[in-house]
């Protein structure tokens, strides 16, 4: 009985952290694309934000083992 509850909470936390990563990655991507003050770090922050977006999408899609 407790393993079923554990799977529910693990799945819920994966979805929550995936959503948070998607939101933060999208905000980072927006600001790195629109802010000229970053200079040479624009590409660096752009790549980091895309990686965060991909990890967030991955966490939303993946299902925990049963």
PDB file of N, CA and C in Angstrom:
ATOM      1  N   UNK A   1       0.822  -1.189   0.000  1.00  0.00           N
ATOM      2  CA  UNK A   1       0.000   0.000   0.000  1.00  0.00           C
ATOM      3  C   UNK A   1       0.869   1.258   0.000  1.00  0.00           C
ATOM      4  N   UNK A   2       1.977   1.263   0.736  1.00  0.00           N
ATOM      5  CA  UNK A   2       2.793   2.464   0.802  1.00  0.00           C
ATOM      6  C   UNK A   2       3.570   2.693  -0.486  1.00  0.00           C
ATOM      7  N   UNK A   3       3.869   1.614  -1.225  1.00  0.00           N
ATOM      8  CA  UNK A   3       4.591   1.802  -2.479  1.00  0.00           C
ATOM      9  C   UNK A   3       3.729   2.517  -3.509  1.00  0.00           C
ATOM     10  N   UNK A   4       2.450   2.269  -3.506  1.00  0.00           N
ATOM     11  CA  UNK A   4       1.558   2.967  -4.427  1.00  0.00           C
ATOM     12  C   UNK A   4       1.519   4.458  -4.093  1.00  0.00           C
ATOM     13  N   UNK A   5       1.502   4.799  -2.829  1.00  0.00           N
ATOM     14  CA  UNK A   5       1.529   6.194  -2.417  1.00  0.00           C
ATOM     15  C   UNK A   5       2.855   6.850  -2.739  1.00  0.00           C
ATOM     16  N   UNK A   6       3.952   6.100  -2.590  1.00  0.00           N
ATOM     17  CA  UNK A   6       5.264   6.635  -2.923  1.00  0.00           C
ATOM     18  C   UNK A   6       5.363   6.948  -4.409  1.00  0.00           C
ATOM     19  N   UNK A   7       4.837   6.081  -5.247  1.00  0.00           N
ATOM     20  CA  UNK A   7       4.874   6.312  -6.688  1.00  0.00           C
ATOM     21  C   UNK A   7       4.069   7.551  -7.058  1.00  0.00           C
ATOM     22  N   UNK A   8       2.968   7.759  -6.388  1.00  0.00           N
ATOM     23  CA  UNK A   8       2.151   8.945  -6.655  1.00  0.00           C
ATOM     24  C   UNK A   8       2.927  10.214  -6.335  1.00  0.00           C
ATOM     25  N   UNK A   9       3.584  10.250  -5.178  1.00  0.00           N
ATOM     26  CA  UNK A   9       4.309  11.458  -4.780  1.00  0.00           C
ATOM     27  C   UNK A   9       5.541  11.692  -5.634  1.00  0.00           C
ATOM     28  N   UNK A  10       6.213  10.624  -6.044  1.00  0.00           N
ATOM     29  CA  UNK A  10       7.363  10.771  -6.926  1.00  0.00           C
ATOM     30  C   UNK A  10       6.916  11.329  -8.267  1.00  0.00           C
ATOM     31  N   UNK A  11       5.834  10.807  -8.796  1.00  0.00           N
ATOM     32  CA  UNK A  11       5.297  11.283 -10.070  1.00  0.00           C
ATOM     33  C   UNK A  11       4.860  12.743  -9.970  1.00  0.00           C
ATOM     34  N   UNK A  12       4.202  13.078  -8.887  1.00  0.00           N
ATOM     35  CA  UNK A  12       3.744  14.451  -8.696  1.00  0.00           C
ATOM     36  C   UNK A  12       4.918  15.417  -8.573  1.00  0.00           C
ATOM     37  N   UNK A  13       5.952  15.028  -7.837  1.00  0.00           N
ATOM     38  CA  UNK A  13       7.109  15.912  -7.688  1.00  0.00           C
ATOM     39  C   UNK A  13       7.874  16.049  -9.003  1.00  0.00           C
ATOM     40  N   UNK A  14       7.937  14.984  -9.809  1.00  0.00           N
ATOM     41  CA  UNK A  14       8.574  15.088 -11.122  1.00  0.00           C
ATOM     42  C   UNK A  14       7.829  16.080 -12.003  1.00  0.00           C
ATOM     43  N   UNK A  15       6.524  16.011 -12.001  1.00  0.00           N
ATOM     44  CA  UNK A  15       5.724  16.937 -12.806  1.00  0.00           C
ATOM     45  C   UNK A  15       5.892  18.379 -12.317  1.00  0.00           C
ATOM     46  N   UNK A  16       5.912  18.566 -11.005  1.00  0.00           N
ATOM     47  CA  UNK A  16       6.067  19.904 -10.436  1.00  0.00           C
ATOM     48  C   UNK A  16       7.425  20.503 -10.797  1.00  0.00           C
ATOM     49  N   UNK A  17       8.508  19.741 -10.583  1.00  0.00           N
ATOM     50  CA  UNK A  17       9.836  20.257 -10.891  1.00  0.00           C
ATOM     51  C   UNK A  17      10.031  20.430 -12.397  1.00  0.00           C
ATOM     52  N   UNK A  18       9.411  19.581 -13.195  1.00  0.00           N
ATOM     53  CA  UNK A  18       9.460  19.759 -14.642  1.00  0.00           C
ATOM     54  C   UNK A  18       8.801  21.057 -15.064  1.00  0.00           C
ATOM     55  N   UNK A  19       7.653  21.357 -14.481  1.00  0.00           N
ATOM     56  CA  UNK A  19       6.952  22.597 -14.796  1.00  0.00           C
ATOM     57  C   UNK A  19       7.769  23.814 -14.356  1.00  0.00           C
ATOM     58  N   UNK A  20       8.371  23.741 -13.180  1.00  0.00           N
ATOM     59  CA  UNK A  20       9.218  24.843 -12.697  1.00  0.00           C
ATOM     60  C   UNK A  20      10.408  25.051 -13.619  1.00  0.00           C
ATOM     61  N   UNK A  21      11.059  23.961 -14.066  1.00  0.00           N
ATOM     62  CA  UNK A  21      12.194  24.077 -14.974  1.00  0.00           C
ATOM     63  C   UNK A  21      11.784  24.672 -16.316  1.00  0.00           C
ATOM     64  N   UNK A  22      10.617  24.311 -16.808  1.00  0.00           N
ATOM     65  CA  UNK A  22      10.135  24.877 -18.070  1.00  0.00           C
ATOM     66  C   UNK A  22       9.900  26.378 -17.930  1.00  0.00           C
ATOM     67  N   UNK A  23       9.298  26.789 -16.839  1.00  0.00           N
ATOM     68  CA  UNK A  23       9.028  28.216 -16.627  1.00  0.00           C
ATOM     69  C   UNK A  23      10.324  29.003 -16.498  1.00  0.00           C
ATOM     70  N   UNK A  24      11.258  28.514 -15.692  1.00  0.00           N
ATOM     71  CA  UNK A  24      12.530  29.214 -15.507  1.00  0.00           C
ATOM     72  C   UNK A  24      13.333  29.230 -16.803  1.00  0.00           C
ATOM     73  N   UNK A  25      13.351  28.105 -17.530  1.00  0.00           N
ATOM     74  CA  UNK A  25      14.074  28.050 -18.792  1.00  0.00           C
ATOM     75  C   UNK A  25      13.502  29.002 -19.829  1.00  0.00           C
ATOM     76  N   UNK A  26      12.169  29.105 -19.880  1.00  0.00           N
ATOM     77  CA  UNK A  26      11.535  30.017 -20.837  1.00  0.00           C
ATOM     78  C   UNK A  26      11.837  31.471 -20.488  1.00  0.00           C
ATOM     79  N   UNK A  27      11.814  31.805 -19.221  1.00  0.00           N
ATOM     80  CA  UNK A  27      12.131  33.175 -18.803  1.00  0.00           C
ATOM     81  C   UNK A  27      13.588  33.497 -19.106  1.00  0.00           C
ATOM     82  N   UNK A  28      14.486  32.552 -18.829  1.00  0.00           N
ATOM     83  CA  UNK A  28      15.902  32.764 -19.144  1.00  0.00           C
ATOM     84  C   UNK A  28      16.120  32.931 -20.641  1.00  0.00           C
ATOM     85  N   UNK A  29      15.450  32.112 -21.443  1.00  0.00           N
ATOM     86  CA  UNK A  29      15.598  32.200 -22.895  1.00  0.00           C
ATOM     87  C   UNK A  29      15.076  33.537 -23.407  1.00  0.00           C
ATOM     88  N   UNK A  30      13.966  33.996 -22.871  1.00  0.00           N
ATOM     89  CA  UNK A  30      13.416  35.285 -23.284  1.00  0.00           C
ATOM     90  C   UNK A  30      14.388  36.423 -22.962  1.00  0.00           C
ATOM     91  N   UNK A  31      14.893  36.451 -21.726  1.00  0.00           N
ATOM     92  CA  UNK A  31      15.780  37.543 -21.346  1.00  0.00           C
ATOM     93  C   UNK A  31      17.142  37.455 -22.029  1.00  0.00           C
ATOM     94  N   UNK A  32      17.629  36.263 -22.280  1.00  0.00           N
ATOM     95  CA  UNK A  32      18.914  36.171 -22.981  1.00  0.00           C
ATOM     96  C   UNK A  32      18.776  36.560 -24.445  1.00  0.00           C
ATOM     97  N   UNK A  33      17.595  36.406 -25.025  1.00  0.00           N
ATOM     98  CA  UNK A  33      17.378  36.790 -26.418  1.00  0.00           C
ATOM     99  C   UNK A  33      17.076  38.280 -26.569  1.00  0.00           C
ATOM    100  N   UNK A  34      16.511  38.907 -25.552  1.00  0.00           N
ATOM    101  CA  UNK A  34      16.080  40.301 -25.690  1.00  0.00           C
ATOM    102  C   UNK A  34      16.977  41.308 -24.990  1.00  0.00           C
ATOM    103  N   UNK A  35      17.893  40.878 -24.144  1.00  0.00           N
ATOM    104  CA  UNK A  35      18.731  41.807 -23.401  1.00  0.00           C
ATOM    105  C   UNK A  35      20.095  41.943 -24.079  1.00  0.00           C
ATOM    106  N   UNK A  36      20.427  43.140 -24.540  1.00  0.00           N
ATOM    107  CA  UNK A  36      21.731  43.313 -25.201  1.00  0.00           C
ATOM    108  C   UNK A  36      22.893  43.455 -24.212  1.00  0.00           C
ATOM    109  N   UNK A  37      22.613  43.583 -22.928  1.00  0.00           N
ATOM    110  CA  UNK A  37      23.664  43.810 -21.937  1.00  0.00           C
ATOM    111  C   UNK A  37      24.498  42.568 -21.634  1.00  0.00           C
ATOM    112  N   UNK A  38      24.069  41.391 -22.073  1.00  0.00           N
ATOM    113  CA  UNK A  38      24.805  40.171 -21.763  1.00  0.00           C
ATOM    114  C   UNK A  38      26.098  40.056 -22.571  1.00  0.00           C
ATOM    115  N   UNK A  39      26.120  40.626 -23.735  1.00  0.00           N
ATOM    116  CA  UNK A  39      27.331  40.621 -24.553  1.00  0.00           C
ATOM    117  C   UNK A  39      27.710  39.225 -25.009  1.00  0.00           C
ATOM    118  N   UNK A  40      28.898  38.788 -24.602  1.00  0.00           N
ATOM    119  CA  UNK A  40      29.400  37.488 -25.052  1.00  0.00           C
ATOM    120  C   UNK A  40      28.739  36.321 -24.334  1.00  0.00           C
ATOM    121  N   UNK A  41      28.031  36.569 -23.264  1.00  0.00           N
ATOM    122  CA  UNK A  41      27.392  35.490 -22.510  1.00  0.00           C
ATOM    123  C   UNK A  41      25.993  35.148 -23.030  1.00  0.00           C
ATOM    124  N   UNK A  42      25.545  35.807 -24.079  1.00  0.00           N
ATOM    125  CA  UNK A  42      24.214  35.552 -24.620  1.00  0.00           C
ATOM    126  C   UNK A  42      24.062  34.105 -25.067  1.00  0.00           C
ATOM    127  N   UNK A  43      25.046  33.599 -25.792  1.00  0.00           N
ATOM    128  CA  UNK A  43      24.987  32.214 -26.270  1.00  0.00           C
ATOM    129  C   UNK A  43      25.047  31.242 -25.107  1.00  0.00           C
ATOM    130  N   UNK A  44      25.888  31.511 -24.120  1.00  0.00           N
ATOM    131  CA  UNK A  44      26.020  30.646 -22.947  1.00  0.00           C
ATOM    132  C   UNK A  44      24.689  30.510 -22.210  1.00  0.00           C
ATOM    133  N   UNK A  45      24.045  31.635 -21.926  1.00  0.00           N
ATOM    134  CA  UNK A  45      22.770  31.593 -21.216  1.00  0.00           C
ATOM    135  C   UNK A  45      21.656  31.039 -22.095  1.00  0.00           C
ATOM    136  N   UNK A  46      21.738  31.260 -23.393  1.00  0.00           N
ATOM    137  CA  UNK A  46      20.764  30.668 -24.304  1.00  0.00           C
ATOM    138  C   UNK A  46      20.834  29.154 -24.302  1.00  0.00           C
ATOM    139  N   UNK A  47      22.048  28.609 -24.333  1.00  0.00           N
ATOM    140  CA  UNK A  47      22.223  27.152 -24.292  1.00  0.00           C
ATOM    141  C   UNK A  47      21.763  26.589 -22.952  1.00  0.00           C
ATOM    142  N   UNK A  48      22.097  27.262 -21.852  1.00  0.00           N
ATOM    143  CA  UNK A  48      21.649  26.804 -20.528  1.00  0.00           C
ATOM    144  C   UNK A  48      20.122  26.796 -20.427  1.00  0.00           C
ATOM    145  N   UNK A  49      19.478  27.804 -20.973  1.00  0.00           N
ATOM    146  CA  UNK A  49      18.019  27.854 -20.887  1.00  0.00           C
ATOM    147  C   UNK A  49      17.369  26.783 -21.753  1.00  0.00           C
ATOM    148  N   UNK A  50      17.945  26.485 -22.911  1.00  0.00           N
ATOM    149  CA  UNK A  50      17.407  25.412 -23.749  1.00  0.00           C
ATOM    150  C   UNK A  50      17.573  24.067 -23.050  1.00  0.00           C
ATOM    151  N   UNK A  51      18.706  23.860 -22.401  1.00  0.00           N
ATOM    152  CA  UNK A  51      18.925  22.614 -21.651  1.00  0.00           C
ATOM    153  C   UNK A  51      17.899  22.484 -20.521  1.00  0.00           C
ATOM    154  N   UNK A  52      17.631  23.585 -19.818  1.00  0.00           N
ATOM    155  CA  UNK A  52      16.637  23.544 -18.749  1.00  0.00           C
ATOM    156  C   UNK A  52      15.248  23.239 -19.294  1.00  0.00           C
ATOM    157  N   UNK A  53      14.918  23.809 -20.457  1.00  0.00           N
ATOM    158  CA  UNK A  53      13.631  23.520 -21.078  1.00  0.00           C
ATOM    159  C   UNK A  53      13.517  22.045 -21.450  1.00  0.00           C
ATOM    160  N   UNK A  54      14.571  21.481 -22.021  1.00  0.00           N
ATOM    161  CA  UNK A  54      14.536  20.080 -22.420  1.00  0.00           C
ATOM    162  C   UNK A  54      14.416  19.144 -21.213  1.00  0.00           C
ATOM    163  N   UNK A  55      15.124  19.455 -20.131  1.00  0.00           N
ATOM    164  CA  UNK A  55      15.020  18.633 -18.917  1.00  0.00           C
ATOM    165  C   UNK A  55      13.613  18.732 -18.335  1.00  0.00           C
ATOM    166  N   UNK A  56      13.027  19.926 -18.342  1.00  0.00           N
ATOM    167  CA  UNK A  56      11.668  20.092 -17.840  1.00  0.00           C
ATOM    168  C   UNK A  56      10.651  19.322 -18.667  1.00  0.00           C
ATOM    169  N   UNK A  57      10.793  19.362 -19.986  1.00  0.00           N
ATOM    170  CA  UNK A  57       9.892  18.596 -20.853  1.00  0.00           C
ATOM    171  C   UNK A  57      10.074  17.104 -20.622  1.00  0.00           C
ATOM    172  N   UNK A  58      11.328  16.683 -20.464  1.00  0.00           N
ATOM    173  CA  UNK A  58      11.619  15.275 -20.189  1.00  0.00           C
ATOM    174  C   UNK A  58      10.951  14.824 -18.889  1.00  0.00           C
ATOM    175  N   UNK A  59      11.011  15.646 -17.854  1.00  0.00           N
ATOM    176  CA  UNK A  59      10.396  15.287 -16.580  1.00  0.00           C
ATOM    177  C   UNK A  59       8.873  15.218 -16.677  1.00  0.00           C
ATOM    178  N   UNK A  60       8.279  16.017 -17.543  1.00  0.00           N
ATOM    179  CA  UNK A  60       6.829  15.950 -17.706  1.00  0.00           C
ATOM    180  C   UNK A  60       6.397  14.708 -18.486  1.00  0.00           C
ATOM    181  N   UNK A  61       7.230  14.258 -19.417  1.00  0.00           N
ATOM    182  CA  UNK A  61       6.851  13.135 -20.273  1.00  0.00           C
ATOM    183  C   UNK A  61       7.099  11.775 -19.609  1.00  0.00           C
ATOM    184  N   UNK A  62       8.210  11.663 -18.875  1.00  0.00           N
ATOM    185  CA  UNK A  62       8.631  10.370 -18.320  1.00  0.00           C
ATOM    186  C   UNK A  62       7.670   9.909 -17.223  1.00  0.00           C
ATOM    187  N   UNK A  63       7.411   8.598 -17.223  1.00  0.00           N
ATOM    188  CA  UNK A  63       6.585   7.999 -16.171  1.00  0.00           C
ATOM    189  C   UNK A  63       7.492   7.166 -15.263  1.00  0.00           C
ATOM    190  N   UNK A  64       7.294   7.217 -13.950  1.00  0.00           N
ATOM    191  CA  UNK A  64       8.132   6.427 -13.051  1.00  0.00           C
ATOM    192  C   UNK A  64       7.839   4.940 -13.206  1.00  0.00           C
ATOM    193  N   UNK A  65       8.829   4.097 -12.920  1.00  0.00           N
ATOM    194  CA  UNK A  65       8.579   2.634 -12.999  1.00  0.00           C
ATOM    195  C   UNK A  65       7.565   2.202 -11.945  1.00  0.00           C
ATOM    196  N   UNK A  66       6.813   1.198 -12.283  1.00  0.00           N
ATOM    197  CA  UNK A  66       5.751   0.759 -11.362  1.00  0.00           C
ATOM    198  C   UNK A  66       6.147  -0.448 -10.579  1.00  0.00           C
TER     199      UNK A  66
END
